[in-house]
Every structure is written in C-alpha cells, then in structure tokens.
N, C-alpha and C. Protein backbone atom coordinates (compact mmCIF):
# COMPACT_ATOMS: atom_id res chain seq x y z
N UNK A 1 0.82 -1.20 0.00
CA UNK A 1 0.00 0.00 0.00
C UNK A 1 0.87 1.26 0.00
N UNK A 2 1.93 1.24 0.81
CA UNK A 2 2.83 2.39 0.87
C UNK A 2 3.53 2.60 -0.47
N UNK A 3 3.82 1.50 -1.15
CA UNK A 3 4.46 1.59 -2.46
C UNK A 3 3.53 2.23 -3.48
N UNK A 4 2.25 1.89 -3.42
CA UNK A 4 1.28 2.48 -4.35
C UNK A 4 1.13 3.98 -4.10
N UNK A 5 1.11 4.37 -2.83
CA UNK A 5 1.00 5.79 -2.49
C UNK A 5 2.25 6.53 -2.97
N UNK A 6 3.41 5.90 -2.78
CA UNK A 6 4.66 6.51 -3.23
C UNK A 6 4.65 6.67 -4.75
N UNK A 7 4.23 5.63 -5.47
CA UNK A 7 4.18 5.70 -6.93
C UNK A 7 3.19 6.75 -7.41
N UNK A 8 2.02 6.82 -6.76
CA UNK A 8 1.03 7.83 -7.13
C UNK A 8 1.55 9.24 -6.87
N UNK A 9 2.24 9.41 -5.75
CA UNK A 9 2.82 10.71 -5.44
C UNK A 9 3.88 11.10 -6.47
N UNK A 10 4.72 10.14 -6.84
CA UNK A 10 5.73 10.42 -7.87
C UNK A 10 5.07 10.74 -9.21
N UNK A 11 4.01 10.02 -9.55
CA UNK A 11 3.29 10.23 -10.80
C UNK A 11 2.71 11.64 -10.85
N UNK A 12 1.99 12.01 -9.79
CA UNK A 12 1.38 13.35 -9.74
C UNK A 12 2.47 14.43 -9.70
N UNK A 13 3.53 14.16 -8.95
CA UNK A 13 4.63 15.11 -8.86
C UNK A 13 5.30 15.34 -10.21
N UNK A 14 5.49 14.27 -10.97
CA UNK A 14 6.12 14.40 -12.29
C UNK A 14 5.24 15.23 -13.22
N UNK A 15 3.94 14.95 -13.23
CA UNK A 15 3.04 15.72 -14.10
C UNK A 15 2.94 17.17 -13.64
N UNK A 16 2.99 17.40 -12.33
CA UNK A 16 2.97 18.77 -11.81
C UNK A 16 4.22 19.51 -12.25
N UNK A 17 5.36 18.83 -12.19
CA UNK A 17 6.61 19.44 -12.63
C UNK A 17 6.56 19.83 -14.10
N UNK A 18 6.02 18.93 -14.93
CA UNK A 18 5.89 19.24 -16.36
C UNK A 18 4.95 20.43 -16.55
N UNK A 19 3.82 20.44 -15.83
CA UNK A 19 2.88 21.55 -15.93
C UNK A 19 3.49 22.87 -15.49
N UNK A 20 4.26 22.83 -14.41
CA UNK A 20 4.91 24.05 -13.94
C UNK A 20 5.99 24.52 -14.91
N UNK A 21 6.68 23.59 -15.52
CA UNK A 21 7.70 23.94 -16.50
C UNK A 21 7.08 24.68 -17.69
N UNK A 22 6.02 24.11 -18.24
CA UNK A 22 5.36 24.76 -19.38
C UNK A 22 4.62 26.02 -18.95
N UNK A 23 4.04 26.00 -17.76
CA UNK A 23 3.35 27.19 -17.26
C UNK A 23 4.30 28.34 -17.00
N UNK A 24 5.48 28.02 -16.47
CA UNK A 24 6.46 29.09 -16.22
C UNK A 24 6.93 29.70 -17.52
N UNK A 25 7.02 28.90 -18.56
CA UNK A 25 7.39 29.43 -19.88
C UNK A 25 6.33 30.44 -20.34
N UNK A 26 5.07 30.10 -20.15
CA UNK A 26 3.99 31.02 -20.53
C UNK A 26 4.00 32.28 -19.66
N UNK A 27 4.31 32.12 -18.38
CA UNK A 27 4.37 33.29 -17.48
C UNK A 27 5.49 34.22 -17.92
N UNK A 28 6.66 33.65 -18.20
CA UNK A 28 7.79 34.48 -18.63
C UNK A 28 7.47 35.20 -19.94
N UNK A 29 6.83 34.49 -20.85
CA UNK A 29 6.44 35.12 -22.11
C UNK A 29 5.47 36.27 -21.86
N UNK A 30 4.52 36.06 -20.94
CA UNK A 30 3.54 37.13 -20.67
C UNK A 30 4.20 38.31 -19.96
N UNK A 31 5.26 38.08 -19.22
CA UNK A 31 5.96 39.19 -18.56
C UNK A 31 6.70 40.07 -19.57
N UNK A 32 7.14 39.48 -20.69
CA UNK A 32 7.83 40.24 -21.71
C UNK A 32 6.87 40.95 -22.65
N UNK A 33 5.60 40.58 -22.60
CA UNK A 33 4.61 41.26 -23.44
C UNK A 33 3.95 42.36 -22.62
N UNK A 34 2.99 42.99 -23.21
CA UNK A 34 2.34 44.13 -22.53
C UNK A 34 1.31 43.68 -21.50
N UNK A 35 0.97 42.38 -21.46
CA UNK A 35 -0.06 41.92 -20.51
C UNK A 35 0.53 40.86 -19.57
N UNK A 36 1.26 41.31 -18.55
CA UNK A 36 1.84 40.32 -17.63
C UNK A 36 0.76 39.63 -16.79
N UNK A 37 0.80 38.31 -16.80
CA UNK A 37 -0.12 37.49 -16.00
C UNK A 37 0.68 36.33 -15.42
N UNK A 38 0.29 35.89 -14.23
CA UNK A 38 0.99 34.76 -13.62
C UNK A 38 0.04 33.59 -13.41
N UNK A 39 -1.08 33.82 -12.78
CA UNK A 39 -1.98 32.72 -12.40
C UNK A 39 -2.63 32.04 -13.60
N UNK A 40 -3.08 32.80 -14.55
CA UNK A 40 -3.80 32.22 -15.69
C UNK A 40 -2.94 31.25 -16.49
N UNK A 41 -1.71 31.60 -16.89
CA UNK A 41 -0.91 30.63 -17.65
C UNK A 41 -0.56 29.39 -16.84
N UNK A 42 -0.28 29.57 -15.55
CA UNK A 42 0.04 28.41 -14.72
C UNK A 42 -1.17 27.49 -14.57
N UNK A 43 -2.32 28.06 -14.30
CA UNK A 43 -3.54 27.26 -14.15
C UNK A 43 -3.87 26.54 -15.45
N UNK A 44 -3.70 27.22 -16.55
CA UNK A 44 -3.99 26.62 -17.84
C UNK A 44 -3.03 25.46 -18.14
N UNK A 45 -1.74 25.68 -17.88
CA UNK A 45 -0.75 24.62 -18.14
C UNK A 45 -0.99 23.42 -17.23
N UNK A 46 -1.25 23.69 -15.96
CA UNK A 46 -1.51 22.57 -15.04
C UNK A 46 -2.76 21.80 -15.44
N UNK A 47 -3.80 22.51 -15.87
CA UNK A 47 -5.02 21.83 -16.32
C UNK A 47 -4.72 20.95 -17.53
N UNK A 48 -3.94 21.47 -18.47
CA UNK A 48 -3.59 20.69 -19.66
C UNK A 48 -2.83 19.42 -19.28
N UNK A 49 -1.82 19.56 -18.45
CA UNK A 49 -0.97 18.42 -18.15
C UNK A 49 -1.64 17.44 -17.20
N UNK A 50 -2.51 17.92 -16.31
CA UNK A 50 -3.25 16.97 -15.47
C UNK A 50 -4.24 16.15 -16.30
N UNK A 51 -4.78 16.76 -17.36
CA UNK A 51 -5.64 15.98 -18.26
C UNK A 51 -4.83 14.88 -18.95
N UNK A 52 -3.61 15.21 -19.38
CA UNK A 52 -2.75 14.17 -19.96
C UNK A 52 -2.42 13.11 -18.91
N UNK A 53 -2.25 13.53 -17.66
CA UNK A 53 -1.97 12.56 -16.59
C UNK A 53 -3.13 11.58 -16.44
N UNK A 54 -4.36 12.09 -16.57
CA UNK A 54 -5.53 11.21 -16.49
C UNK A 54 -5.63 10.26 -17.68
N UNK A 55 -5.21 10.74 -18.85
CA UNK A 55 -5.31 9.92 -20.06
C UNK A 55 -4.14 8.95 -20.23
N UNK A 56 -3.03 9.22 -19.56
CA UNK A 56 -1.83 8.41 -19.74
C UNK A 56 -2.04 6.92 -19.46
N UNK A 57 -2.70 6.52 -18.37
CA UNK A 57 -2.89 5.07 -18.17
C UNK A 57 -3.62 4.40 -19.34
N UNK A 58 -4.60 5.08 -19.92
CA UNK A 58 -5.30 4.52 -21.07
C UNK A 58 -4.40 4.44 -22.29
N UNK A 59 -3.58 5.47 -22.47
CA UNK A 59 -2.63 5.47 -23.59
C UNK A 59 -1.64 4.32 -23.44
N UNK A 60 -1.17 4.09 -22.22
CA UNK A 60 -0.22 3.01 -21.99
C UNK A 60 -0.85 1.64 -22.20
N UNK A 61 -2.12 1.50 -21.88
CA UNK A 61 -2.82 0.23 -22.14
C UNK A 61 -2.87 -0.02 -23.64
N UNK A 62 -3.22 1.01 -24.41
CA UNK A 62 -3.24 0.87 -25.87
C UNK A 62 -1.83 0.56 -26.38
N UNK A 63 -0.83 1.22 -25.80
CA UNK A 63 0.55 1.00 -26.20
C UNK A 63 1.04 -0.41 -25.91
N UNK A 64 0.57 -1.00 -24.81
CA UNK A 64 0.94 -2.39 -24.50
C UNK A 64 0.23 -3.37 -25.44
N UNK A 65 -0.98 -3.04 -25.79
CA UNK A 65 -1.75 -3.92 -26.67
C UNK A 65 -1.22 -3.89 -28.09
N UNK A 66 -0.75 -2.72 -28.51
CA UNK A 66 -0.18 -2.54 -29.85
C UNK A 66 1.21 -1.93 -29.70
N UNK A 67 2.21 -2.77 -29.38
CA UNK A 67 3.54 -2.24 -29.03
C UNK A 67 4.27 -1.62 -30.20
N UNK A 68 5.07 -0.61 -29.85
CA UNK A 68 5.90 0.05 -30.85
C UNK A 68 7.13 -0.78 -31.21
N UNK A 69 7.72 -1.41 -30.20
CA UNK A 69 8.98 -2.13 -30.39
C UNK A 69 8.68 -3.62 -30.49
N UNK A 70 8.45 -4.06 -31.69
CA UNK A 70 8.18 -5.48 -31.93
C UNK A 70 8.31 -5.72 -33.43
N UNK A 71 8.75 -6.90 -33.79
CA UNK A 71 8.87 -7.20 -35.22
C UNK A 71 7.51 -7.11 -35.89
N UNK A 72 7.48 -6.44 -37.02
CA UNK A 72 6.25 -6.34 -37.78
C UNK A 72 5.22 -5.41 -37.15
N UNK A 73 5.64 -4.57 -36.21
CA UNK A 73 4.68 -3.69 -35.53
C UNK A 73 4.08 -2.69 -36.50
N UNK A 74 4.82 -2.33 -37.51
CA UNK A 74 4.38 -1.27 -38.40
C UNK A 74 3.01 -1.58 -39.00
N UNK A 75 2.85 -2.77 -39.52
CA UNK A 75 1.61 -3.11 -40.23
C UNK A 75 0.45 -3.34 -39.28
N UNK A 76 0.75 -3.80 -38.08
CA UNK A 76 -0.33 -4.13 -37.16
C UNK A 76 -0.63 -2.97 -36.21
N UNK A 77 0.41 -2.38 -35.65
CA UNK A 77 0.22 -1.40 -34.58
C UNK A 77 0.06 0.03 -35.07
N UNK A 78 0.81 0.42 -36.07
CA UNK A 78 0.81 1.83 -36.44
C UNK A 78 -0.56 2.37 -36.83
N UNK A 79 -1.35 1.67 -37.66
CA UNK A 79 -2.67 2.24 -37.98
C UNK A 79 -3.56 2.42 -36.74
N UNK A 80 -3.49 1.45 -35.84
CA UNK A 80 -4.30 1.56 -34.61
C UNK A 80 -3.80 2.71 -33.75
N UNK A 81 -2.47 2.82 -33.60
CA UNK A 81 -1.91 3.89 -32.78
C UNK A 81 -2.15 5.26 -33.42
N UNK A 82 -2.14 5.32 -34.73
CA UNK A 82 -2.42 6.58 -35.42
C UNK A 82 -3.84 7.06 -35.10
N UNK A 83 -4.81 6.15 -35.24
CA UNK A 83 -6.20 6.49 -34.95
C UNK A 83 -6.37 6.80 -33.46
N UNK A 84 -5.71 6.00 -32.61
CA UNK A 84 -5.79 6.26 -31.17
C UNK A 84 -5.23 7.63 -30.83
N UNK A 85 -4.15 8.02 -31.49
CA UNK A 85 -3.57 9.34 -31.26
C UNK A 85 -4.53 10.45 -31.61
N UNK A 86 -5.23 10.29 -32.72
CA UNK A 86 -6.21 11.30 -33.12
C UNK A 86 -7.37 11.36 -32.11
N UNK A 87 -7.84 10.18 -31.70
CA UNK A 87 -8.96 10.14 -30.75
C UNK A 87 -8.58 10.71 -29.38
N UNK A 88 -7.41 10.32 -28.88
CA UNK A 88 -6.98 10.85 -27.59
C UNK A 88 -6.76 12.35 -27.65
N UNK A 89 -6.26 12.83 -28.77
CA UNK A 89 -6.04 14.27 -28.92
C UNK A 89 -7.37 15.02 -28.90
N UNK A 90 -8.33 14.55 -29.65
CA UNK A 90 -9.65 15.20 -29.68
C UNK A 90 -10.30 15.12 -28.30
N UNK A 91 -10.18 13.96 -27.63
CA UNK A 91 -10.74 13.81 -26.28
C UNK A 91 -10.09 14.78 -25.31
N UNK A 92 -8.77 14.89 -25.35
CA UNK A 92 -8.06 15.79 -24.43
C UNK A 92 -8.49 17.24 -24.67
N UNK A 93 -8.57 17.65 -25.93
CA UNK A 93 -8.96 19.03 -26.23
C UNK A 93 -10.42 19.28 -25.82
N UNK A 94 -11.28 18.29 -26.02
CA UNK A 94 -12.69 18.44 -25.60
C UNK A 94 -12.78 18.56 -24.08
N UNK A 95 -12.02 17.74 -23.36
CA UNK A 95 -12.02 17.83 -21.90
C UNK A 95 -11.50 19.19 -21.44
N UNK A 96 -10.47 19.68 -22.09
CA UNK A 96 -9.90 20.97 -21.72
C UNK A 96 -10.88 22.10 -22.00
N UNK A 97 -11.58 22.02 -23.12
CA UNK A 97 -12.59 23.04 -23.43
C UNK A 97 -13.72 22.98 -22.40
N UNK A 98 -14.09 21.78 -21.99
CA UNK A 98 -15.11 21.63 -20.95
C UNK A 98 -14.65 22.17 -19.61
N UNK A 99 -13.38 21.93 -19.26
CA UNK A 99 -12.86 22.46 -18.00
C UNK A 99 -12.86 23.98 -18.00
N UNK A 100 -12.50 24.56 -19.13
CA UNK A 100 -12.49 26.02 -19.23
C UNK A 100 -13.87 26.62 -19.02
N UNK A 101 -14.89 25.87 -19.43
CA UNK A 101 -16.26 26.37 -19.25
C UNK A 101 -16.75 26.18 -17.82
N UNK A 102 -16.20 25.20 -17.12
CA UNK A 102 -16.69 24.87 -15.78
C UNK A 102 -15.89 25.55 -14.67
N UNK A 103 -14.59 25.60 -14.80
CA UNK A 103 -13.73 26.13 -13.74
C UNK A 103 -13.45 27.61 -13.99
N UNK A 104 -13.86 28.46 -13.05
CA UNK A 104 -13.59 29.89 -13.22
C UNK A 104 -12.08 30.16 -13.10
N UNK A 105 -11.61 31.09 -13.91
CA UNK A 105 -10.20 31.44 -13.88
C UNK A 105 -9.38 30.77 -14.96
N UNK A 106 -9.88 29.67 -15.49
CA UNK A 106 -9.17 29.02 -16.60
C UNK A 106 -9.55 29.73 -17.89
N UNK A 107 -8.58 29.90 -18.76
CA UNK A 107 -8.91 30.51 -20.06
C UNK A 107 -9.91 29.64 -20.82
N UNK A 108 -10.86 30.30 -21.45
CA UNK A 108 -11.89 29.57 -22.19
C UNK A 108 -11.77 29.89 -23.66
N UNK A 109 -12.05 28.87 -24.44
CA UNK A 109 -12.08 29.05 -25.90
C UNK A 109 -13.03 28.01 -26.45
N UNK A 110 -13.67 28.28 -27.57
CA UNK A 110 -14.54 27.28 -28.18
C UNK A 110 -13.73 26.06 -28.61
N UNK A 111 -14.39 24.92 -28.60
CA UNK A 111 -13.74 23.66 -28.94
C UNK A 111 -13.07 23.71 -30.31
N UNK A 112 -13.76 24.23 -31.30
CA UNK A 112 -13.20 24.30 -32.66
C UNK A 112 -11.92 25.11 -32.72
N UNK A 113 -11.89 26.23 -32.03
CA UNK A 113 -10.70 27.08 -32.02
C UNK A 113 -9.55 26.37 -31.31
N UNK A 114 -9.87 25.72 -30.18
CA UNK A 114 -8.83 24.97 -29.46
C UNK A 114 -8.31 23.82 -30.31
N UNK A 115 -9.21 23.18 -31.03
CA UNK A 115 -8.80 22.07 -31.88
C UNK A 115 -7.83 22.54 -32.96
N UNK A 116 -8.16 23.65 -33.58
CA UNK A 116 -7.27 24.18 -34.63
C UNK A 116 -5.95 24.66 -34.05
N UNK A 117 -5.98 25.27 -32.89
CA UNK A 117 -4.77 25.87 -32.32
C UNK A 117 -3.84 24.84 -31.69
N UNK A 118 -4.40 23.77 -31.13
CA UNK A 118 -3.59 22.86 -30.33
C UNK A 118 -3.45 21.45 -30.90
N UNK A 119 -4.13 21.14 -31.96
CA UNK A 119 -4.17 19.77 -32.43
C UNK A 119 -2.78 19.18 -32.68
N UNK A 120 -1.95 19.89 -33.39
CA UNK A 120 -0.63 19.36 -33.76
C UNK A 120 0.25 19.08 -32.55
N UNK A 121 0.27 20.00 -31.58
CA UNK A 121 1.12 19.80 -30.41
C UNK A 121 0.57 18.70 -29.50
N UNK A 122 -0.77 18.57 -29.47
CA UNK A 122 -1.37 17.53 -28.63
C UNK A 122 -1.15 16.14 -29.24
N UNK A 123 -1.14 16.04 -30.56
CA UNK A 123 -0.82 14.76 -31.21
C UNK A 123 0.62 14.39 -30.89
N UNK A 124 1.52 15.36 -30.96
CA UNK A 124 2.92 15.11 -30.62
C UNK A 124 3.06 14.67 -29.16
N UNK A 125 2.29 15.28 -28.28
CA UNK A 125 2.31 14.90 -26.87
C UNK A 125 1.87 13.46 -26.69
N UNK A 126 0.82 13.05 -27.41
CA UNK A 126 0.37 11.66 -27.36
C UNK A 126 1.52 10.72 -27.72
N UNK A 127 2.23 11.01 -28.81
CA UNK A 127 3.31 10.14 -29.27
C UNK A 127 4.49 10.14 -28.30
N UNK A 128 4.75 11.28 -27.67
CA UNK A 128 5.82 11.32 -26.67
C UNK A 128 5.46 10.45 -25.48
N UNK A 129 4.22 10.55 -25.01
CA UNK A 129 3.77 9.71 -23.89
C UNK A 129 3.86 8.24 -24.27
N UNK A 130 3.42 7.91 -25.46
CA UNK A 130 3.48 6.54 -25.94
C UNK A 130 4.93 6.05 -26.02
N UNK A 131 5.82 6.89 -26.53
CA UNK A 131 7.23 6.53 -26.64
C UNK A 131 7.89 6.34 -25.28
N UNK A 132 7.60 7.22 -24.34
CA UNK A 132 8.16 7.09 -22.99
C UNK A 132 7.63 5.82 -22.33
N UNK A 133 6.34 5.54 -22.53
CA UNK A 133 5.77 4.29 -21.99
C UNK A 133 6.44 3.07 -22.59
N UNK A 134 6.71 3.10 -23.89
CA UNK A 134 7.38 1.97 -24.55
C UNK A 134 8.81 1.82 -24.03
N UNK A 135 9.47 2.94 -23.76
CA UNK A 135 10.83 2.88 -23.22
C UNK A 135 10.85 2.26 -21.83
N UNK A 136 9.90 2.64 -21.00
CA UNK A 136 9.81 2.04 -19.66
C UNK A 136 9.49 0.55 -19.75
N UNK A 137 8.61 0.19 -20.65
CA UNK A 137 8.23 -1.21 -20.85
C UNK A 137 9.45 -2.02 -21.31
N UNK A 138 10.19 -1.47 -22.26
CA UNK A 138 11.39 -2.14 -22.77
C UNK A 138 12.42 -2.30 -21.66
N UNK A 139 12.60 -1.26 -20.84
CA UNK A 139 13.56 -1.33 -19.73
C UNK A 139 13.14 -2.39 -18.72
N UNK A 140 11.85 -2.47 -18.42
CA UNK A 140 11.37 -3.48 -17.47
C UNK A 140 11.62 -4.89 -18.00
N UNK A 141 11.39 -5.10 -19.29
CA UNK A 141 11.67 -6.41 -19.89
C UNK A 141 13.16 -6.71 -19.87
N UNK A 142 13.98 -5.70 -20.12
CA UNK A 142 15.42 -5.88 -20.07
C UNK A 142 15.86 -6.30 -18.67
N UNK A 143 15.35 -5.63 -17.64
CA UNK A 143 15.70 -5.98 -16.24
C UNK A 143 15.22 -7.38 -15.89
N UNK A 144 14.04 -7.75 -16.38
CA UNK A 144 13.51 -9.09 -16.12
C UNK A 144 14.41 -10.14 -16.76
N UNK A 145 14.83 -9.92 -17.99
CA UNK A 145 15.73 -10.87 -18.66
C UNK A 145 17.07 -10.94 -17.95
N UNK A 146 17.56 -9.80 -17.49
CA UNK A 146 18.81 -9.76 -16.74
C UNK A 146 18.70 -10.56 -15.45
N UNK A 147 17.58 -10.42 -14.75
CA UNK A 147 17.34 -11.16 -13.52
C UNK A 147 17.27 -12.66 -13.80
N UNK A 148 16.55 -13.03 -14.86
CA UNK A 148 16.47 -14.45 -15.23
C UNK A 148 17.83 -15.02 -15.57
N UNK A 149 18.64 -14.25 -16.28
CA UNK A 149 19.98 -14.71 -16.64
C UNK A 149 20.85 -14.92 -15.40
N UNK A 150 20.75 -14.00 -14.44
CA UNK A 150 21.54 -14.17 -13.21
C UNK A 150 21.05 -15.37 -12.40
N UNK A 151 19.74 -15.62 -12.40
CA UNK A 151 19.23 -16.81 -11.71
C UNK A 151 19.71 -18.08 -12.40
N UNK A 152 19.75 -18.09 -13.72
CA UNK A 152 20.26 -19.25 -14.44
C UNK A 152 21.74 -19.47 -14.16
N UNK A 153 22.51 -18.39 -14.10
CA UNK A 153 23.92 -18.52 -13.75
C UNK A 153 24.10 -19.10 -12.36
N UNK A 154 23.27 -18.67 -11.44
CA UNK A 154 23.32 -19.19 -10.07
C UNK A 154 22.99 -20.68 -10.06
N UNK A 155 21.97 -21.07 -10.79
CA UNK A 155 21.60 -22.50 -10.85
C UNK A 155 22.72 -23.32 -11.50
N UNK A 156 23.34 -22.77 -12.52
CA UNK A 156 24.43 -23.47 -13.19
C UNK A 156 25.60 -23.68 -12.23
N UNK A 157 25.96 -22.65 -11.47
CA UNK A 157 27.05 -22.77 -10.50
C UNK A 157 26.70 -23.82 -9.44
N UNK A 158 25.45 -23.83 -8.98
CA UNK A 158 25.01 -24.81 -7.99
C UNK A 158 25.08 -26.22 -8.57
N UNK A 159 24.67 -26.38 -9.81
CA UNK A 159 24.72 -27.69 -10.45
C UNK A 159 26.16 -28.16 -10.61
N UNK A 160 27.07 -27.25 -10.94
CA UNK A 160 28.47 -27.61 -11.07
C UNK A 160 29.05 -28.04 -9.72
N UNK A 161 28.66 -27.34 -8.65
CA UNK A 161 29.10 -27.73 -7.31
C UNK A 161 28.56 -29.10 -6.94
N UNK A 162 27.32 -29.38 -7.28
CA UNK A 162 26.73 -30.69 -6.99
C UNK A 162 27.47 -31.79 -7.74
N UNK A 163 27.84 -31.55 -8.98
CA UNK A 163 28.59 -32.53 -9.77
C UNK A 163 29.96 -32.79 -9.13
N UNK A 164 30.63 -31.72 -8.69
CA UNK A 164 31.93 -31.89 -8.03
C UNK A 164 31.79 -32.69 -6.74
N UNK A 165 30.74 -32.42 -5.97
CA UNK A 165 30.49 -33.19 -4.74
C UNK A 165 30.30 -34.66 -5.05
N UNK A 166 29.53 -34.94 -6.08
CA UNK A 166 29.29 -36.34 -6.45
C UNK A 166 30.59 -37.02 -6.87
N UNK A 167 31.47 -36.27 -7.52
CA UNK A 167 32.75 -36.84 -7.93
C UNK A 167 33.67 -37.07 -6.74
N UNK A 168 33.61 -36.17 -5.75
CA UNK A 168 34.49 -36.28 -4.58
C UNK A 168 34.03 -37.36 -3.62
N UNK A 169 32.75 -37.56 -3.46
CA UNK A 169 32.26 -38.54 -2.50
C UNK A 169 32.73 -39.97 -2.81
N UNK A 170 32.66 -40.47 -4.01
CA UNK A 170 33.20 -41.81 -4.28
C UNK A 170 34.71 -41.88 -4.02
N UNK A 171 35.43 -40.80 -4.28
CA UNK A 171 36.86 -40.79 -4.05
C UNK A 171 37.16 -41.02 -2.57
N UNK A 172 36.44 -40.29 -1.69
CA UNK A 172 36.66 -40.48 -0.26
C UNK A 172 36.24 -41.88 0.18
N UNK A 173 35.19 -42.41 -0.42
CA UNK A 173 34.73 -43.75 -0.08
C UNK A 173 35.81 -44.79 -0.44
N UNK A 174 36.36 -44.68 -1.64
CA UNK A 174 37.39 -45.61 -2.06
C UNK A 174 38.66 -45.47 -1.22
N UNK A 175 39.01 -44.25 -0.85
CA UNK A 175 40.18 -44.05 0.01
C UNK A 175 39.97 -44.69 1.37
N UNK A 176 38.77 -44.54 1.90
CA UNK A 176 38.46 -45.13 3.20
C UNK A 176 38.52 -46.64 3.12
N UNK A 177 37.93 -47.22 2.06
CA UNK A 177 37.97 -48.66 1.89
C UNK A 177 39.41 -49.15 1.70
N UNK A 178 40.19 -48.41 0.96
CA UNK A 178 41.58 -48.79 0.75
C UNK A 178 42.38 -48.75 2.04
N UNK A 179 42.11 -47.75 2.88
CA UNK A 179 42.80 -47.63 4.15
C UNK A 179 42.43 -48.79 5.07
N UNK A 180 41.19 -49.21 5.09
CA UNK A 180 40.75 -50.31 5.94
C UNK A 180 41.41 -51.59 5.46
C-alpha cells in the first residue's frame, strides 16, 4: 500500500513538474509582453498536463496492446496507434474546453478554435507519452531478462558444485575402503 501511495505521489509530482515547466514558460512570455499574468498561464498549463496525466494510463494500455517495439509492428500497430492518437487528442482538447467552461479562472475558448490551435502539439504529446511508456516497458523487460539470466547462472554454479560433490564422494569412499 505504501508503495502504491509513493508511486502515485511520484506520478502526480512528475506531471505537476511538467505543468509548472510549461506554465512558467507562458508566465515568462507574458511578462515580456504588454499583458503580464501569472496565475492564468500556470492554471492553464496545469489543467492541460493533469488531463494528460488522467489519459496516460489509457494510452499506456493501448501502447501495450499494440507495441511500438516489436517485429512487424508497423503493419499491425501503427494504424491503430495513429487512430488512437487522433482520438486521444480530440478527447483531451474536448475535456480541456469543458474544464475552461466549468472552472472559473481558466482561459476559455470554443472547442473548434482549441482544436485548430492545439491539435498538432497535442498529437505530438500523445506520441511522446506513448514513446516514454514503450521505453519504460522495454527497460522493465530488459531488467527481467537480466534477472532471469543471473538466476540461471546461479543455478548453473550450484549444479556444477553438486557434480563436483558427487565426484568427490566416491573418491573419499574408495580411500576409506583402501585404508581399511
């Protein structure tokens, strides 16, 4: 249970860090323009990235079902992932437009305008999330194979020791019989 809370805290913390990074960029940009604002860009960036945080587990499930790193993935996985990327992008933008209408203080824009303005960057974000998920999946498989290899090496060493013991035991028996 403590491990799950730790993982959830790290997950939320990582997405908050990404949101603050992009939000601070917007704040700095607004400070250099004629309309300096701090809260609005930060709130908007955090809302955007928390929505991606909510969608990420679903994206990773799709990514596991249709993996990027596998022989022949192109013909099987790419069309599905392409459509999934479009759907997740439209869903994220729709959720963000809905949040802007519901939560006071968040910038609001019509769905169509947000779709035109953000579609390309949100599609790229989907692919980055998918790629990072595939990298973590690949690393986990690599560690699992490494662990299995070390266990096999351990078993091999134990088997070699057992063979040596079996060879030594008759030797001691014959020496004892010879001495008697």
